[in-house]
Amino acid sequence: MPKLVDHEERRAHIVDALLRAASATGLHAVTMRSVAVEAGVSVRLVQYYFDTKEQLLLATLTRLGERMGERIRDRVRAAGASADPRGIVEAILLEAVPTDEESRTFHLVYTEYAVLSVTDPVLAGQAFRAAPDEMETFLAAQLRAAEQAGRTAPGLDARQEAVLLLAVSAGLGLSVLLGQRPAEEAVAVLHYHLARIFPQP
């Protein structure tokens, strides 16, 4: 009896191969052929699941967003009972710092997508452009909840702090990718800013 093919598993395998290839050579250098080589399959098989490179790029972008969301949720769950607004904010911000190989790959490739979206009309219209706005809104809501519970510094502007925290975490993540500072130092800077916002134990 012939073995049944898990098409979703094959698609995921090809998407993961693009992530590895982009991490090694840069997103701009990725081709259908280089992805096929990385995945250990034929170019024809890659084209069976993704008619064009654009379709493959968009599928990988979706996977990036999903996986980063999963990692944030894992961090919140790991915090357990301490996952109050501060714990949730901290989990989100720490995920912006590449601390392992998977997060380094994700952040490197995601940054390349963001740069490409400035000039690529296909990527420019994608939903990931709205993700920063959604994250700002979510963080601001967490900060307001902490403020109502008396956990934040007085006079806090939740929206402005959310914007600032996301900008700081993104900049720190990029500085780690560039080798400007180690991940441990970036994490310490984030904790410094969180202590300023959440002075209460």
N, C-alpha and C. Protein backbone atom coordinates (compact mmCIF):
# COMPACT_ATOMS: atom_id res chain seq x y z
N MET A 1 0.85 -1.19 0.00
CA MET A 1 0.00 0.00 0.00
C MET A 1 0.89 1.24 0.00
N PRO A 2 0.67 2.18 -0.92
CA PRO A 2 1.53 3.37 -0.97
C PRO A 2 1.37 4.23 0.27
N LYS A 3 2.48 4.87 0.65
CA LYS A 3 2.47 5.72 1.83
C LYS A 3 1.69 7.00 1.55
N LEU A 4 0.81 7.36 2.49
CA LEU A 4 0.04 8.59 2.34
C LEU A 4 0.94 9.80 2.55
N VAL A 5 0.75 10.82 1.72
CA VAL A 5 1.56 12.03 1.80
C VAL A 5 0.86 13.05 2.68
N ASP A 6 1.59 13.57 3.66
CA ASP A 6 1.07 14.64 4.51
C ASP A 6 1.47 15.96 3.86
N HIS A 7 0.54 16.55 3.14
CA HIS A 7 0.86 17.75 2.36
C HIS A 7 1.22 18.94 3.24
N GLU A 8 0.54 19.06 4.38
CA GLU A 8 0.86 20.17 5.28
C GLU A 8 2.26 20.01 5.83
N GLU A 9 2.64 18.78 6.12
CA GLU A 9 3.98 18.53 6.64
C GLU A 9 5.03 18.87 5.58
N ARG A 10 4.75 18.53 4.33
CA ARG A 10 5.69 18.85 3.25
C ARG A 10 5.80 20.36 3.05
N ARG A 11 4.67 21.04 3.09
CA ARG A 11 4.70 22.50 2.95
C ARG A 11 5.53 23.12 4.07
N ALA A 12 5.32 22.63 5.30
CA ALA A 12 6.07 23.15 6.45
C ALA A 12 7.56 22.87 6.29
N HIS A 13 7.89 21.69 5.76
CA HIS A 13 9.29 21.33 5.54
C HIS A 13 9.95 22.29 4.55
N ILE A 14 9.23 22.66 3.52
CA ILE A 14 9.77 23.58 2.51
C ILE A 14 9.89 24.99 3.10
N VAL A 15 8.90 25.40 3.86
CA VAL A 15 8.96 26.73 4.49
C VAL A 15 10.14 26.81 5.45
N ASP A 16 10.34 25.77 6.24
CA ASP A 16 11.47 25.76 7.17
C ASP A 16 12.80 25.81 6.41
N ALA A 17 12.84 25.17 5.24
CA ALA A 17 14.05 25.22 4.42
C ALA A 17 14.32 26.65 3.94
N LEU A 18 13.27 27.38 3.59
CA LEU A 18 13.48 28.78 3.20
C LEU A 18 14.03 29.59 4.37
N LEU A 19 13.52 29.36 5.55
CA LEU A 19 14.02 30.06 6.73
C LEU A 19 15.51 29.81 6.93
N ARG A 20 15.92 28.55 6.80
CA ARG A 20 17.33 28.23 6.98
C ARG A 20 18.18 28.87 5.89
N ALA A 21 17.71 28.80 4.65
CA ALA A 21 18.46 29.37 3.54
C ALA A 21 18.58 30.89 3.69
N ALA A 22 17.49 31.53 4.07
CA ALA A 22 17.51 32.99 4.23
C ALA A 22 18.42 33.39 5.38
N SER A 23 18.45 32.60 6.44
CA SER A 23 19.31 32.90 7.57
C SER A 23 20.77 32.80 7.17
N ALA A 24 21.09 31.89 6.26
CA ALA A 24 22.49 31.67 5.86
C ALA A 24 22.96 32.65 4.80
N THR A 25 22.08 32.98 3.83
CA THR A 25 22.53 33.78 2.68
C THR A 25 21.81 35.10 2.51
N GLY A 26 20.73 35.30 3.27
CA GLY A 26 19.94 36.51 3.11
C GLY A 26 18.71 36.23 2.26
N LEU A 27 17.61 36.86 2.59
CA LEU A 27 16.34 36.63 1.90
C LEU A 27 16.44 37.00 0.43
N HIS A 28 17.21 38.03 0.12
CA HIS A 28 17.33 38.49 -1.26
C HIS A 28 17.98 37.44 -2.16
N ALA A 29 18.79 36.55 -1.58
CA ALA A 29 19.52 35.55 -2.38
C ALA A 29 18.76 34.24 -2.52
N VAL A 30 17.63 34.12 -1.84
CA VAL A 30 16.88 32.86 -1.86
C VAL A 30 16.18 32.68 -3.21
N THR A 31 16.29 31.48 -3.76
CA THR A 31 15.59 31.11 -4.99
C THR A 31 14.82 29.82 -4.75
N MET A 32 13.94 29.48 -5.67
CA MET A 32 13.23 28.21 -5.55
C MET A 32 14.23 27.05 -5.55
N ARG A 33 15.28 27.18 -6.35
CA ARG A 33 16.28 26.13 -6.41
C ARG A 33 17.05 26.01 -5.09
N SER A 34 17.44 27.14 -4.50
CA SER A 34 18.20 27.07 -3.25
C SER A 34 17.35 26.51 -2.11
N VAL A 35 16.06 26.80 -2.14
CA VAL A 35 15.15 26.24 -1.14
C VAL A 35 15.02 24.74 -1.35
N ALA A 36 14.91 24.31 -2.61
CA ALA A 36 14.82 22.89 -2.90
C ALA A 36 16.05 22.15 -2.41
N VAL A 37 17.23 22.73 -2.65
CA VAL A 37 18.48 22.10 -2.20
C VAL A 37 18.48 22.00 -0.68
N GLU A 38 18.11 23.08 0.00
CA GLU A 38 18.10 23.09 1.46
C GLU A 38 17.11 22.06 2.01
N ALA A 39 15.97 21.90 1.31
CA ALA A 39 14.93 20.96 1.77
C ALA A 39 15.24 19.53 1.36
N GLY A 40 16.19 19.34 0.43
CA GLY A 40 16.50 18.00 -0.03
C GLY A 40 15.42 17.43 -0.94
N VAL A 41 14.76 18.31 -1.68
CA VAL A 41 13.71 17.88 -2.61
C VAL A 41 13.97 18.50 -3.98
N SER A 42 13.15 18.14 -4.95
CA SER A 42 13.31 18.70 -6.29
C SER A 42 12.66 20.07 -6.39
N VAL A 43 13.15 20.87 -7.34
CA VAL A 43 12.52 22.16 -7.60
C VAL A 43 11.07 21.97 -8.00
N ARG A 44 10.81 20.90 -8.75
CA ARG A 44 9.43 20.63 -9.18
C ARG A 44 8.51 20.43 -7.99
N LEU A 45 9.01 19.76 -6.94
CA LEU A 45 8.16 19.56 -5.76
C LEU A 45 7.88 20.88 -5.05
N VAL A 46 8.90 21.74 -4.94
CA VAL A 46 8.68 23.06 -4.35
C VAL A 46 7.62 23.81 -5.15
N GLN A 47 7.70 23.74 -6.47
CA GLN A 47 6.75 24.44 -7.33
C GLN A 47 5.36 23.80 -7.29
N TYR A 48 5.29 22.54 -6.93
CA TYR A 48 3.98 21.88 -6.78
C TYR A 48 3.20 22.52 -5.63
N TYR A 49 3.92 22.83 -4.55
CA TYR A 49 3.26 23.41 -3.38
C TYR A 49 3.19 24.93 -3.43
N PHE A 50 4.13 25.54 -4.12
CA PHE A 50 4.16 27.00 -4.22
C PHE A 50 4.45 27.37 -5.67
N ASP A 51 3.42 27.89 -6.35
CA ASP A 51 3.56 28.18 -7.78
C ASP A 51 4.65 29.19 -8.06
N THR A 52 4.82 30.15 -7.15
CA THR A 52 5.79 31.21 -7.37
C THR A 52 6.62 31.44 -6.11
N LYS A 53 7.72 32.12 -6.29
CA LYS A 53 8.54 32.48 -5.14
C LYS A 53 7.75 33.38 -4.19
N GLU A 54 6.91 34.24 -4.75
CA GLU A 54 6.11 35.15 -3.91
C GLU A 54 5.20 34.36 -2.98
N GLN A 55 4.57 33.29 -3.50
CA GLN A 55 3.71 32.46 -2.65
C GLN A 55 4.51 31.82 -1.53
N LEU A 56 5.70 31.36 -1.85
CA LEU A 56 6.56 30.75 -0.84
C LEU A 56 6.98 31.78 0.20
N LEU A 57 7.31 32.99 -0.23
CA LEU A 57 7.70 34.05 0.69
C LEU A 57 6.55 34.40 1.63
N LEU A 58 5.35 34.48 1.08
CA LEU A 58 4.19 34.84 1.90
C LEU A 58 3.86 33.73 2.90
N ALA A 59 3.97 32.48 2.47
CA ALA A 59 3.71 31.36 3.38
C ALA A 59 4.73 31.36 4.52
N THR A 60 5.97 31.68 4.20
CA THR A 60 7.01 31.72 5.23
C THR A 60 6.79 32.87 6.18
N LEU A 61 6.34 34.00 5.66
CA LEU A 61 6.03 35.15 6.51
C LEU A 61 4.93 34.80 7.49
N THR A 62 3.90 34.11 7.01
CA THR A 62 2.82 33.68 7.90
C THR A 62 3.35 32.76 8.99
N ARG A 63 4.23 31.84 8.60
CA ARG A 63 4.82 30.91 9.57
C ARG A 63 5.65 31.65 10.60
N LEU A 64 6.39 32.66 10.17
CA LEU A 64 7.18 33.45 11.12
C LEU A 64 6.28 34.06 12.18
N GLY A 65 5.21 34.70 11.75
CA GLY A 65 4.29 35.33 12.70
C GLY A 65 3.68 34.34 13.65
N GLU A 66 3.28 33.17 13.13
CA GLU A 66 2.68 32.14 13.98
C GLU A 66 3.67 31.63 15.01
N ARG A 67 4.89 31.36 14.57
CA ARG A 67 5.88 30.79 15.49
C ARG A 67 6.30 31.80 16.56
N MET A 68 6.43 33.06 16.17
CA MET A 68 6.78 34.06 17.17
C MET A 68 5.66 34.20 18.19
N GLY A 69 4.40 34.12 17.74
CA GLY A 69 3.28 34.15 18.67
C GLY A 69 3.29 32.96 19.62
N GLU A 70 3.64 31.77 19.08
CA GLU A 70 3.73 30.58 19.91
C GLU A 70 4.82 30.74 20.98
N ARG A 71 5.94 31.33 20.60
CA ARG A 71 7.04 31.49 21.55
C ARG A 71 6.64 32.46 22.67
N ILE A 72 5.91 33.52 22.32
CA ILE A 72 5.46 34.46 23.35
C ILE A 72 4.50 33.76 24.31
N ARG A 73 3.57 32.98 23.75
CA ARG A 73 2.63 32.26 24.62
C ARG A 73 3.36 31.27 25.51
N ASP A 74 4.39 30.63 24.98
CA ASP A 74 5.19 29.70 25.80
C ASP A 74 5.85 30.43 26.96
N ARG A 75 6.35 31.63 26.69
CA ARG A 75 6.99 32.43 27.75
C ARG A 75 5.98 32.80 28.83
N VAL A 76 4.77 33.19 28.41
CA VAL A 76 3.74 33.57 29.38
C VAL A 76 3.35 32.37 30.22
N ARG A 77 3.19 31.20 29.56
CA ARG A 77 2.84 29.99 30.32
C ARG A 77 3.95 29.61 31.29
N ALA A 78 5.19 29.79 30.86
CA ALA A 78 6.32 29.45 31.73
C ALA A 78 6.37 30.33 32.97
N ALA A 79 5.83 31.56 32.84
CA ALA A 79 5.79 32.46 34.00
C ALA A 79 4.79 31.98 35.04
N GLY A 80 3.83 31.15 34.62
CA GLY A 80 2.87 30.56 35.55
C GLY A 80 2.02 31.60 36.26
N ALA A 81 1.94 31.47 37.56
CA ALA A 81 1.08 32.35 38.35
C ALA A 81 1.55 33.79 38.31
N SER A 82 2.82 34.01 37.97
CA SER A 82 3.34 35.37 37.96
C SER A 82 3.03 36.11 36.66
N ALA A 83 2.25 35.47 35.78
CA ALA A 83 1.94 36.10 34.49
C ALA A 83 0.86 37.17 34.66
N ASP A 84 1.16 38.17 35.49
CA ASP A 84 0.32 39.35 35.62
C ASP A 84 0.68 40.28 34.47
N PRO A 85 0.11 41.50 34.41
CA PRO A 85 0.45 42.39 33.30
C PRO A 85 1.95 42.59 33.11
N ARG A 86 2.70 42.74 34.21
CA ARG A 86 4.14 42.91 34.04
C ARG A 86 4.76 41.67 33.41
N GLY A 87 4.36 40.48 33.87
CA GLY A 87 4.91 39.25 33.32
C GLY A 87 4.60 39.10 31.84
N ILE A 88 3.40 39.51 31.44
CA ILE A 88 3.01 39.43 30.04
C ILE A 88 3.82 40.41 29.20
N VAL A 89 3.96 41.64 29.70
CA VAL A 89 4.76 42.64 28.98
C VAL A 89 6.20 42.16 28.84
N GLU A 90 6.74 41.63 29.90
CA GLU A 90 8.12 41.15 29.87
C GLU A 90 8.29 40.01 28.87
N ALA A 91 7.32 39.08 28.82
CA ALA A 91 7.39 37.96 27.89
C ALA A 91 7.43 38.45 26.45
N ILE A 92 6.61 39.44 26.14
CA ILE A 92 6.56 39.97 24.78
C ILE A 92 7.88 40.65 24.42
N LEU A 93 8.38 41.47 25.31
CA LEU A 93 9.60 42.22 25.01
C LEU A 93 10.81 41.31 24.90
N LEU A 94 10.90 40.31 25.77
CA LEU A 94 12.05 39.41 25.73
C LEU A 94 12.09 38.59 24.45
N GLU A 95 10.92 38.34 23.87
CA GLU A 95 10.91 37.57 22.62
C GLU A 95 11.50 38.36 21.46
N ALA A 96 11.65 39.68 21.63
CA ALA A 96 12.27 40.50 20.59
C ALA A 96 13.78 40.40 20.59
N VAL A 97 14.34 39.75 21.61
CA VAL A 97 15.80 39.61 21.71
C VAL A 97 16.19 38.20 21.28
N PRO A 98 17.04 38.06 20.26
CA PRO A 98 17.46 36.74 19.82
C PRO A 98 18.36 36.08 20.86
N THR A 99 17.83 35.10 21.56
CA THR A 99 18.60 34.45 22.63
C THR A 99 18.96 33.01 22.30
N ASP A 100 18.44 32.48 21.19
CA ASP A 100 18.80 31.13 20.76
C ASP A 100 18.79 31.10 19.24
N GLU A 101 19.15 29.96 18.68
CA GLU A 101 19.30 29.88 17.22
C GLU A 101 17.98 30.08 16.50
N GLU A 102 16.89 29.53 17.05
CA GLU A 102 15.60 29.69 16.39
C GLU A 102 15.18 31.16 16.38
N SER A 103 15.28 31.82 17.52
CA SER A 103 14.85 33.22 17.56
C SER A 103 15.78 34.10 16.74
N ARG A 104 17.06 33.75 16.67
CA ARG A 104 17.97 34.52 15.82
C ARG A 104 17.55 34.42 14.36
N THR A 105 17.24 33.20 13.91
CA THR A 105 16.78 33.00 12.53
C THR A 105 15.51 33.77 12.28
N PHE A 106 14.54 33.65 13.17
CA PHE A 106 13.26 34.32 12.98
C PHE A 106 13.43 35.84 12.89
N HIS A 107 14.21 36.41 13.80
CA HIS A 107 14.35 37.86 13.81
C HIS A 107 15.15 38.37 12.62
N LEU A 108 16.16 37.63 12.23
CA LEU A 108 16.95 38.01 11.07
C LEU A 108 16.08 38.02 9.82
N VAL A 109 15.33 36.96 9.59
CA VAL A 109 14.51 36.86 8.39
C VAL A 109 13.35 37.85 8.44
N TYR A 110 12.74 38.01 9.62
CA TYR A 110 11.63 38.95 9.74
C TYR A 110 12.09 40.38 9.45
N THR A 111 13.29 40.72 9.91
CA THR A 111 13.84 42.05 9.63
C THR A 111 14.04 42.23 8.13
N GLU A 112 14.50 41.19 7.46
CA GLU A 112 14.68 41.27 6.01
C GLU A 112 13.34 41.45 5.29
N TYR A 113 12.31 40.75 5.77
CA TYR A 113 10.98 40.92 5.20
C TYR A 113 10.52 42.38 5.34
N ALA A 114 10.73 42.94 6.52
CA ALA A 114 10.30 44.31 6.77
C ALA A 114 10.98 45.28 5.82
N VAL A 115 12.28 45.09 5.60
CA VAL A 115 13.02 45.96 4.68
C VAL A 115 12.51 45.78 3.25
N LEU A 116 12.31 44.53 2.83
CA LEU A 116 11.82 44.27 1.48
C LEU A 116 10.43 44.86 1.25
N SER A 117 9.61 44.88 2.29
CA SER A 117 8.24 45.36 2.14
C SER A 117 8.17 46.83 1.78
N VAL A 118 9.26 47.56 2.02
CA VAL A 118 9.28 48.98 1.69
C VAL A 118 9.21 49.18 0.17
N THR A 119 9.79 48.25 -0.59
CA THR A 119 9.85 48.41 -2.04
C THR A 119 9.13 47.31 -2.82
N ASP A 120 8.79 46.20 -2.15
CA ASP A 120 8.14 45.09 -2.84
C ASP A 120 6.62 45.23 -2.73
N PRO A 121 5.91 45.41 -3.84
CA PRO A 121 4.46 45.63 -3.77
C PRO A 121 3.69 44.43 -3.23
N VAL A 122 4.21 43.21 -3.44
CA VAL A 122 3.52 42.03 -2.93
C VAL A 122 3.57 41.99 -1.41
N LEU A 123 4.76 42.23 -0.85
CA LEU A 123 4.91 42.19 0.61
C LEU A 123 4.32 43.43 1.27
N ALA A 124 4.32 44.55 0.56
CA ALA A 124 3.87 45.81 1.16
C ALA A 124 2.43 45.74 1.62
N GLY A 125 1.60 44.94 0.95
CA GLY A 125 0.19 44.89 1.30
C GLY A 125 -0.17 43.83 2.31
N GLN A 126 0.81 43.17 2.90
CA GLN A 126 0.52 42.05 3.78
C GLN A 126 0.17 42.49 5.20
N ALA A 127 -0.54 41.60 5.89
CA ALA A 127 -1.07 41.92 7.22
C ALA A 127 0.02 42.17 8.24
N PHE A 128 1.23 41.65 8.00
CA PHE A 128 2.26 41.82 9.03
C PHE A 128 2.62 43.27 9.24
N ARG A 129 2.27 44.12 8.27
CA ARG A 129 2.52 45.55 8.44
C ARG A 129 1.68 46.12 9.59
N ALA A 130 0.54 45.48 9.86
CA ALA A 130 -0.33 45.95 10.94
C ALA A 130 0.06 45.38 12.29
N ALA A 131 0.94 44.40 12.31
CA ALA A 131 1.29 43.73 13.57
C ALA A 131 1.83 44.69 14.62
N PRO A 132 2.73 45.63 14.26
CA PRO A 132 3.21 46.56 15.31
C PRO A 132 2.09 47.36 15.96
N ASP A 133 1.09 47.80 15.18
CA ASP A 133 -0.03 48.54 15.76
C ASP A 133 -0.82 47.67 16.73
N GLU A 134 -1.04 46.41 16.33
CA GLU A 134 -1.78 45.50 17.20
C GLU A 134 -1.01 45.25 18.50
N MET A 135 0.31 45.12 18.40
CA MET A 135 1.12 44.87 19.59
C MET A 135 1.14 46.09 20.50
N GLU A 136 1.21 47.29 19.91
CA GLU A 136 1.15 48.50 20.72
C GLU A 136 -0.15 48.55 21.51
N THR A 137 -1.25 48.25 20.85
CA THR A 137 -2.56 48.27 21.51
C THR A 137 -2.62 47.26 22.64
N PHE A 138 -2.10 46.06 22.39
CA PHE A 138 -2.11 45.02 23.41
C PHE A 138 -1.25 45.40 24.60
N LEU A 139 -0.04 45.90 24.33
CA LEU A 139 0.85 46.30 25.43
C LEU A 139 0.26 47.44 26.23
N ALA A 140 -0.33 48.41 25.54
CA ALA A 140 -0.95 49.54 26.23
C ALA A 140 -2.05 49.05 27.17
N ALA A 141 -2.83 48.06 26.72
CA ALA A 141 -3.90 47.52 27.57
C ALA A 141 -3.32 46.84 28.81
N GLN A 142 -2.22 46.13 28.66
CA GLN A 142 -1.57 45.49 29.81
C GLN A 142 -1.04 46.54 30.78
N LEU A 143 -0.48 47.61 30.24
CA LEU A 143 0.05 48.67 31.10
C LEU A 143 -1.08 49.39 31.84
N ARG A 144 -2.20 49.58 31.18
CA ARG A 144 -3.35 50.21 31.86
C ARG A 144 -3.87 49.31 32.97
N ALA A 145 -3.89 48.00 32.72
CA ALA A 145 -4.34 47.06 33.77
C ALA A 145 -3.41 47.12 34.96
N ALA A 146 -2.11 47.21 34.70
CA ALA A 146 -1.14 47.30 35.80
C ALA A 146 -1.30 48.62 36.54
N GLU A 147 -1.59 49.68 35.79
CA GLU A 147 -1.78 51.00 36.42
C GLU A 147 -2.98 50.98 37.35
N GLN A 148 -4.07 50.36 36.90
CA GLN A 148 -5.28 50.29 37.73
C GLN A 148 -5.05 49.47 38.99
N ALA A 149 -4.11 48.52 38.91
CA ALA A 149 -3.79 47.69 40.07
C ALA A 149 -2.73 48.34 40.96
N GLY A 150 -2.30 49.56 40.60
CA GLY A 150 -1.31 50.27 41.39
C GLY A 150 0.09 49.72 41.26
N ARG A 151 0.37 49.09 40.11
CA ARG A 151 1.67 48.44 39.92
C ARG A 151 2.67 49.29 39.12
N THR A 152 2.23 50.41 38.58
CA THR A 152 3.11 51.20 37.72
C THR A 152 3.49 52.52 38.38
N ALA A 153 4.50 53.15 37.80
CA ALA A 153 4.90 54.47 38.28
C ALA A 153 3.76 55.46 38.05
N PRO A 154 3.62 56.47 38.91
CA PRO A 154 2.54 57.44 38.74
C PRO A 154 2.70 58.26 37.46
N GLY A 155 1.56 58.68 36.89
CA GLY A 155 1.59 59.52 35.71
C GLY A 155 1.96 58.79 34.43
N LEU A 156 1.79 57.49 34.41
CA LEU A 156 2.18 56.70 33.24
C LEU A 156 1.25 56.96 32.07
N ASP A 157 1.81 57.17 30.90
CA ASP A 157 1.04 57.24 29.66
C ASP A 157 1.19 55.88 28.97
N ALA A 158 0.17 55.05 29.10
CA ALA A 158 0.28 53.66 28.66
C ALA A 158 0.60 53.54 27.17
N ARG A 159 -0.05 54.33 26.35
CA ARG A 159 0.19 54.23 24.91
C ARG A 159 1.62 54.63 24.56
N GLN A 160 2.09 55.74 25.12
CA GLN A 160 3.45 56.19 24.82
C GLN A 160 4.48 55.19 25.33
N GLU A 161 4.24 54.63 26.50
CA GLU A 161 5.17 53.64 27.03
C GLU A 161 5.19 52.38 26.17
N ALA A 162 4.03 51.98 25.66
CA ALA A 162 3.98 50.81 24.79
C ALA A 162 4.80 51.04 23.52
N VAL A 163 4.65 52.22 22.93
CA VAL A 163 5.42 52.56 21.73
C VAL A 163 6.91 52.54 22.05
N LEU A 164 7.28 53.15 23.16
CA LEU A 164 8.69 53.23 23.54
C LEU A 164 9.27 51.84 23.81
N LEU A 165 8.54 51.01 24.55
CA LEU A 165 9.04 49.68 24.88
C LEU A 165 9.26 48.82 23.63
N LEU A 166 8.33 48.89 22.69
CA LEU A 166 8.48 48.12 21.46
C LEU A 166 9.67 48.62 20.64
N ALA A 167 9.85 49.94 20.61
CA ALA A 167 10.98 50.50 19.87
C ALA A 167 12.30 50.09 20.52
N VAL A 168 12.35 50.14 21.85
CA VAL A 168 13.57 49.76 22.56
C VAL A 168 13.87 48.27 22.34
N SER A 169 12.85 47.42 22.47
CA SER A 169 13.09 45.98 22.32
C SER A 169 13.51 45.64 20.89
N ALA A 170 12.90 46.28 19.90
CA ALA A 170 13.28 46.02 18.51
C ALA A 170 14.71 46.48 18.24
N GLY A 171 15.06 47.65 18.77
CA GLY A 171 16.42 48.15 18.59
C GLY A 171 17.45 47.28 19.28
N LEU A 172 17.11 46.80 20.47
CA LEU A 172 18.04 45.91 21.18
C LEU A 172 18.20 44.59 20.44
N GLY A 173 17.08 44.07 19.91
CA GLY A 173 17.16 42.84 19.14
C GLY A 173 18.08 42.99 17.93
N LEU A 174 17.96 44.12 17.24
CA LEU A 174 18.82 44.37 16.08
C LEU A 174 20.28 44.50 16.51
N SER A 175 20.52 45.13 17.65
CA SER A 175 21.90 45.29 18.11
C SER A 175 22.53 43.94 18.43
N VAL A 176 21.72 42.98 18.89
CA VAL A 176 22.23 41.63 19.14
C VAL A 176 22.55 40.94 17.81
N LEU A 177 21.65 41.08 16.83
CA LEU A 177 21.89 40.48 15.52
C LEU A 177 23.18 41.01 14.89
N LEU A 178 23.43 42.31 15.08
CA LEU A 178 24.60 42.94 14.49
C LEU A 178 25.88 42.67 15.28
N GLY A 179 25.75 42.05 16.44
CA GLY A 179 26.93 41.76 17.26
C GLY A 179 27.40 42.94 18.07
N GLN A 180 26.56 43.96 18.20
CA GLN A 180 26.94 45.15 18.98
C GLN A 180 27.00 44.83 20.47
N ARG A 181 26.09 43.96 20.91
CA ARG A 181 26.08 43.56 22.33
C ARG A 181 25.56 42.14 22.45
N PRO A 182 25.94 41.44 23.51
CA PRO A 182 25.41 40.09 23.71
C PRO A 182 23.94 40.14 24.16
N ALA A 183 23.25 39.03 23.97
CA ALA A 183 21.84 38.97 24.33
C ALA A 183 21.62 39.28 25.81
N GLU A 184 22.55 38.83 26.66
CA GLU A 184 22.40 39.04 28.11
C GLU A 184 22.36 40.53 28.44
N GLU A 185 23.18 41.31 27.75
CA GLU A 185 23.19 42.75 28.00
C GLU A 185 21.89 43.39 27.53
N ALA A 186 21.38 42.95 26.38
CA ALA A 186 20.11 43.48 25.88
C ALA A 186 18.97 43.17 26.85
N VAL A 187 18.96 41.96 27.39
CA VAL A 187 17.93 41.58 28.36
C VAL A 187 18.04 42.44 29.61
N ALA A 188 19.26 42.73 30.05
CA ALA A 188 19.45 43.58 31.24
C ALA A 188 18.90 44.98 31.00
N VAL A 189 19.08 45.51 29.79
CA VAL A 189 18.55 46.84 29.46
C VAL A 189 17.02 46.82 29.51
N LEU A 190 16.42 45.77 28.98
CA LEU A 190 14.96 45.66 29.03
C LEU A 190 14.46 45.60 30.47
N HIS A 191 15.16 44.85 31.32
CA HIS A 191 14.76 44.77 32.72
C HIS A 191 14.90 46.12 33.41
N TYR A 192 15.91 46.88 33.01
CA TYR A 192 16.10 48.23 33.55
C TYR A 192 14.88 49.10 33.23
N HIS A 193 14.43 49.06 31.99
CA HIS A 193 13.27 49.86 31.61
C HIS A 193 11.99 49.37 32.30
N LEU A 194 11.86 48.07 32.44
CA LEU A 194 10.67 47.55 33.11
C LEU A 194 10.64 47.95 34.58
N ALA A 195 11.80 47.98 35.23
CA ALA A 195 11.86 48.40 36.63
C ALA A 195 11.45 49.87 36.77
N ARG A 196 11.72 50.67 35.76
CA ARG A 196 11.31 52.07 35.80
C ARG A 196 9.80 52.21 35.70
N ILE A 197 9.18 51.35 34.89
CA ILE A 197 7.72 51.40 34.70
C ILE A 197 6.98 50.71 35.84
N PHE A 198 7.57 49.61 36.34
CA PHE A 198 6.93 48.82 37.40
C PHE A 198 7.78 48.86 38.65
N PRO A 199 7.78 49.98 39.36
CA PRO A 199 8.63 50.07 40.56
C PRO A 199 8.10 49.25 41.74
N GLN A 200 6.81 48.89 41.67
CA GLN A 200 6.21 48.15 42.79
C GLN A 200 6.55 46.66 42.65
N PRO A 201 6.87 45.98 43.73
CA PRO A 201 7.17 44.53 43.69
C PRO A 201 5.93 43.73 43.34
